[in-house]
Amino acid sequence: MLAYPIVLEDDEGSLLATSPDFPELTTFGIDTDEALARGVDALEEAIAARIHDGRDIPLPSQGRPVAVLPTLTAVKVMLYREMRAQGIGKAELARRLGWHLPQVDRVLDVQHNSRMDQLDAALGALGQHLYVRASAQR
C-alpha cells in the first residue's frame, strides 16, 4: 500500500488539497472525504505525468490524512521505481520479458487495467517478488 499525505486547507468554504510529495498536485473538495477522493485521482495523474516524463516518484512521506493509491497503481509505481533504481529502461525490460515495447508501455500506464500476473512477471524480470497480504482495516 502506498499512502501519500495530503494537506487540507480551508479555501472559502471548500478544502484545498495539496501534497508535500508532489508539489504539482492541487485539487479540492467540499469536505474531507471528497478532497481525499479527489486527491487520489490527482495523485494518479501526477504519477502518470512523472512516468511519462521519466521523473522520480518519491516514497510517501509521513503525515495524515493520506490518499491511498489503488493496489494496481501502487504496484506500477513499485515497478517503475525499481526500473529506475536498476537503470533499466523500457526496451531492456521488454527484451528480458520477450514482450513488445507497447506491452511495457501499457504495464506502466496507470490508466491501463493491467493484469497482476503481468506486473508480477515484470517485477520478476528485475529480480523482485510481489507479495500480497490482506489485513484488517483500521
C-alpha atoms as a PDB file:
ATOM      1  CA  MET A   1       0.000   0.000   0.000  1.00  0.00           C
ATOM      2  CA  LEU A   2       1.255   3.446  -0.852  1.00  0.00           C
ATOM      3  CA  ALA A   3      -0.450   6.218   1.108  1.00  0.00           C
ATOM      4  CA  TYR A   4       0.684   9.775   0.418  1.00  0.00           C
ATOM      5  CA  PRO A   5      -0.049  12.584   2.875  1.00  0.00           C
ATOM      6  CA  ILE A   6      -2.486  15.247   1.768  1.00  0.00           C
ATOM      7  CA  VAL A   7      -2.524  18.724   3.286  1.00  0.00           C
ATOM      8  CA  LEU A   8      -6.046  20.137   3.598  1.00  0.00           C
ATOM      9  CA  GLU A   9      -6.592  23.873   3.967  1.00  0.00           C
ATOM     10  CA  ASP A  10      -9.806  25.847   4.184  1.00  0.00           C
ATOM     11  CA  ASP A  11     -10.375  27.810   0.979  1.00  0.00           C
ATOM     12  CA  GLU A  12     -13.503  29.921   1.277  1.00  0.00           C
ATOM     13  CA  GLY A  13     -15.936  27.111   2.045  1.00  0.00           C
ATOM     14  CA  SER A  14     -14.107  24.256   0.350  1.00  0.00           C
ATOM     15  CA  LEU A  15     -10.948  22.334   1.165  1.00  0.00           C
ATOM     16  CA  LEU A  16      -7.816  22.846  -0.896  1.00  0.00           C
ATOM     17  CA  ALA A  17      -5.823  19.588  -1.107  1.00  0.00           C
ATOM     18  CA  THR A  18      -2.086  19.573  -1.843  1.00  0.00           C
ATOM     19  CA  SER A  19       0.733  17.094  -1.341  1.00  0.00           C
ATOM     20  CA  PRO A  20       4.193  17.655   0.149  1.00  0.00           C
ATOM     21  CA  ASP A  21       5.496  14.785  -2.010  1.00  0.00           C
ATOM     22  CA  PHE A  22       4.020  16.082  -5.281  1.00  0.00           C
ATOM     23  CA  PRO A  23       4.170  19.890  -5.433  1.00  0.00           C
ATOM     24  CA  GLU A  24       2.254  19.785  -8.729  1.00  0.00           C
ATOM     25  CA  LEU A  25      -0.791  18.197  -7.030  1.00  0.00           C
ATOM     26  CA  THR A  26      -3.617  20.599  -6.298  1.00  0.00           C
ATOM     27  CA  THR A  27      -7.288  19.720  -6.010  1.00  0.00           C
ATOM     28  CA  PHE A  28     -10.242  20.482  -3.759  1.00  0.00           C
ATOM     29  CA  GLY A  29     -13.379  19.096  -2.177  1.00  0.00           C
ATOM     30  CA  ILE A  30     -16.392  20.325  -0.273  1.00  0.00           C
ATOM     31  CA  ASP A  31     -15.438  18.138   2.704  1.00  0.00           C
ATOM     32  CA  THR A  32     -12.558  15.924   3.841  1.00  0.00           C
ATOM     33  CA  ASP A  33     -13.860  12.752   2.168  1.00  0.00           C
ATOM     34  CA  GLU A  34     -14.326  14.427  -1.205  1.00  0.00           C
ATOM     35  CA  ALA A  35     -10.975  16.240  -1.010  1.00  0.00           C
ATOM     36  CA  LEU A  36      -9.167  12.969  -0.255  1.00  0.00           C
ATOM     37  CA  ALA A  37     -11.017  11.105  -3.034  1.00  0.00           C
ATOM     38  CA  ARG A  38     -10.060  13.830  -5.491  1.00  0.00           C
ATOM     39  CA  GLY A  39      -6.558  13.678  -4.016  1.00  0.00           C
ATOM     40  CA  VAL A  40      -6.247  10.044  -5.126  1.00  0.00           C
ATOM     41  CA  ASP A  41      -7.267  10.981  -8.675  1.00  0.00           C
ATOM     42  CA  ALA A  42      -4.845  13.924  -8.731  1.00  0.00           C
ATOM     43  CA  LEU A  43      -2.100  11.711  -7.318  1.00  0.00           C
ATOM     44  CA  GLU A  44      -2.587   9.169 -10.108  1.00  0.00           C
ATOM     45  CA  GLU A  45      -2.399  11.987 -12.673  1.00  0.00           C
ATOM     46  CA  ALA A  46       0.809  13.323 -11.114  1.00  0.00           C
ATOM     47  CA  ILE A  47       2.322   9.831 -11.123  1.00  0.00           C
ATOM     48  CA  ALA A  48       1.312   9.246 -14.751  1.00  0.00           C
ATOM     49  CA  ALA A  49       2.948  12.543 -15.744  1.00  0.00           C
ATOM     50  CA  ARG A  50       6.144  11.676 -13.887  1.00  0.00           C
ATOM     51  CA  ILE A  51       6.351   8.249 -15.519  1.00  0.00           C
ATOM     52  CA  HIS A  52       5.740   9.819 -18.940  1.00  0.00           C
ATOM     53  CA  ASP A  53       8.467  12.420 -18.313  1.00  0.00           C
ATOM     54  CA  GLY A  54      10.920   9.890 -16.793  1.00  0.00           C
ATOM     55  CA  ARG A  55      10.988  11.685 -13.435  1.00  0.00           C
ATOM     56  CA  ASP A  56      11.374  10.236  -9.951  1.00  0.00           C
ATOM     57  CA  ILE A  57       8.387   9.123  -7.916  1.00  0.00           C
ATOM     58  CA  PRO A  58       9.089   9.531  -4.204  1.00  0.00           C
ATOM     59  CA  LEU A  59       8.088   7.140  -1.487  1.00  0.00           C
ATOM     60  CA  PRO A  60       5.380   8.596   0.743  1.00  0.00           C
ATOM     61  CA  SER A  61       6.480  10.948   3.494  1.00  0.00           C
ATOM     62  CA  GLN A  62       4.843  10.965   6.917  1.00  0.00           C
ATOM     63  CA  GLY A  63       1.598  12.749   7.593  1.00  0.00           C
ATOM     64  CA  ARG A  64      -2.158  12.496   7.936  1.00  0.00           C
ATOM     65  CA  PRO A  65      -4.616  12.454   6.296  1.00  0.00           C
ATOM     66  CA  VAL A  66      -3.486  10.328   3.363  1.00  0.00           C
ATOM     67  CA  ALA A  67      -4.539   9.468  -0.176  1.00  0.00           C
ATOM     68  CA  VAL A  68      -4.181   5.714  -0.632  1.00  0.00           C
ATOM     69  CA  LEU A  69      -3.272   4.578  -4.133  1.00  0.00           C
ATOM     70  CA  PRO A  70      -5.269   1.724  -5.638  1.00  0.00           C
ATOM     71  CA  THR A  71      -3.313  -1.545  -5.454  1.00  0.00           C
ATOM     72  CA  LEU A  72      -2.730  -1.756  -9.202  1.00  0.00           C
ATOM     73  CA  THR A  73      -1.324   1.784  -9.319  1.00  0.00           C
ATOM     74  CA  ALA A  74       0.874   1.110  -6.284  1.00  0.00           C
ATOM     75  CA  VAL A  75       2.398  -1.965  -7.953  1.00  0.00           C
ATOM     76  CA  LYS A  76       3.048   0.034 -11.140  1.00  0.00           C
ATOM     77  CA  VAL A  77       4.827   2.661  -9.028  1.00  0.00           C
ATOM     78  CA  MET A  78       6.940  -0.071  -7.409  1.00  0.00           C
ATOM     79  CA  LEU A  79       7.846  -1.456 -10.843  1.00  0.00           C
ATOM     80  CA  TYR A  80       8.754   1.986 -12.189  1.00  0.00           C
ATOM     81  CA  ARG A  81      10.836   2.839  -9.106  1.00  0.00           C
ATOM     82  CA  GLU A  82      12.716  -0.471  -9.362  1.00  0.00           C
ATOM     83  CA  MET A  83      13.420   0.073 -13.059  1.00  0.00           C
ATOM     84  CA  ARG A  84      14.910   3.485 -12.249  1.00  0.00           C
ATOM     85  CA  ALA A  85      16.894   2.125  -9.293  1.00  0.00           C
ATOM     86  CA  GLN A  86      18.471  -0.525 -11.528  1.00  0.00           C
ATOM     87  CA  GLY A  87      18.905   1.771 -14.527  1.00  0.00           C
ATOM     88  CA  ILE A  88      16.666  -0.462 -16.632  1.00  0.00           C
ATOM     89  CA  GLY A  89      14.758   1.207 -19.473  1.00  0.00           C
ATOM     90  CA  LYS A  90      11.579   0.059 -21.151  1.00  0.00           C
ATOM     91  CA  ALA A  91      13.448  -1.538 -24.074  1.00  0.00           C
ATOM     92  CA  GLU A  92      15.600  -3.634 -21.750  1.00  0.00           C
ATOM     93  CA  LEU A  93      12.579  -4.729 -19.716  1.00  0.00           C
ATOM     94  CA  ALA A  94      10.812  -5.716 -22.952  1.00  0.00           C
ATOM     95  CA  ARG A  95      13.864  -7.733 -24.010  1.00  0.00           C
ATOM     96  CA  ARG A  96      14.032  -9.538 -20.651  1.00  0.00           C
ATOM     97  CA  LEU A  97      10.337 -10.394 -20.799  1.00  0.00           C
ATOM     98  CA  GLY A  98      10.163 -11.226 -24.505  1.00  0.00           C
ATOM     99  CA  TRP A  99       7.478  -8.542 -24.870  1.00  0.00           C
ATOM    100  CA  HIS A 100       6.932  -5.848 -27.455  1.00  0.00           C
ATOM    101  CA  LEU A 101       7.570  -2.282 -26.286  1.00  0.00           C
ATOM    102  CA  PRO A 102       3.844  -1.330 -26.309  1.00  0.00           C
ATOM    103  CA  GLN A 103       3.236  -4.091 -23.739  1.00  0.00           C
ATOM    104  CA  VAL A 104       5.761  -2.475 -21.404  1.00  0.00           C
ATOM    105  CA  ASP A 105       4.187   0.929 -22.028  1.00  0.00           C
ATOM    106  CA  ARG A 106       0.791  -0.463 -21.002  1.00  0.00           C
ATOM    107  CA  VAL A 107       2.099  -2.159 -17.864  1.00  0.00           C
ATOM    108  CA  LEU A 108       3.495   1.211 -16.728  1.00  0.00           C
ATOM    109  CA  ASP A 109       0.364   3.180 -17.720  1.00  0.00           C
ATOM    110  CA  VAL A 110      -1.618   3.939 -14.548  1.00  0.00           C
ATOM    111  CA  GLN A 111      -4.784   4.329 -16.639  1.00  0.00           C
ATOM    112  CA  HIS A 112      -4.438   0.844 -18.171  1.00  0.00           C
ATOM    113  CA  ASN A 113      -6.071  -2.041 -16.346  1.00  0.00           C
ATOM    114  CA  SER A 114      -3.026  -4.351 -16.432  1.00  0.00           C
ATOM    115  CA  ARG A 115      -3.222  -7.899 -15.164  1.00  0.00           C
ATOM    116  CA  MET A 116      -1.427  -8.620 -11.928  1.00  0.00           C
ATOM    117  CA  ASP A 117       0.399 -11.589 -13.481  1.00  0.00           C
ATOM    118  CA  GLN A 118       1.969  -9.194 -15.998  1.00  0.00           C
ATOM    119  CA  LEU A 119       3.184  -6.929 -13.211  1.00  0.00           C
ATOM    120  CA  ASP A 120       4.469  -9.946 -11.296  1.00  0.00           C
ATOM    121  CA  ALA A 121       6.416 -11.085 -14.386  1.00  0.00           C
ATOM    122  CA  ALA A 122       7.837  -7.582 -14.928  1.00  0.00           C
ATOM    123  CA  LEU A 123       8.978  -7.354 -11.316  1.00  0.00           C
ATOM    124  CA  GLY A 124      10.430 -10.861 -11.606  1.00  0.00           C
ATOM    125  CA  ALA A 125      12.481  -9.753 -14.616  1.00  0.00           C
ATOM    126  CA  LEU A 126      14.048  -7.202 -12.251  1.00  0.00           C
ATOM    127  CA  GLY A 127      14.789  -9.815  -9.584  1.00  0.00           C
ATOM    128  CA  GLN A 128      11.862  -8.745  -7.398  1.00  0.00           C
ATOM    129  CA  HIS A 129       8.975 -10.742  -5.923  1.00  0.00           C
ATOM    130  CA  LEU A 130       5.455  -9.445  -5.499  1.00  0.00           C
ATOM    131  CA  TYR A 131       3.829 -10.437  -2.212  1.00  0.00           C
ATOM    132  CA  VAL A 132       0.182  -9.733  -1.441  1.00  0.00           C
ATOM    133  CA  ARG A 133      -1.206  -9.647   2.072  1.00  0.00           C
ATOM    134  CA  ALA A 134      -4.629  -8.783   3.440  1.00  0.00           C
ATOM    135  CA  SER A 135      -5.063  -7.164   6.827  1.00  0.00           C
ATOM    136  CA  ALA A 136      -7.911  -5.817   8.904  1.00  0.00           C
ATOM    137  CA  GLN A 137      -8.939  -2.254   8.133  1.00  0.00           C
ATOM    138  CA  ARG A 138      -8.012   0.372  10.684  1.00  0.00           C
END
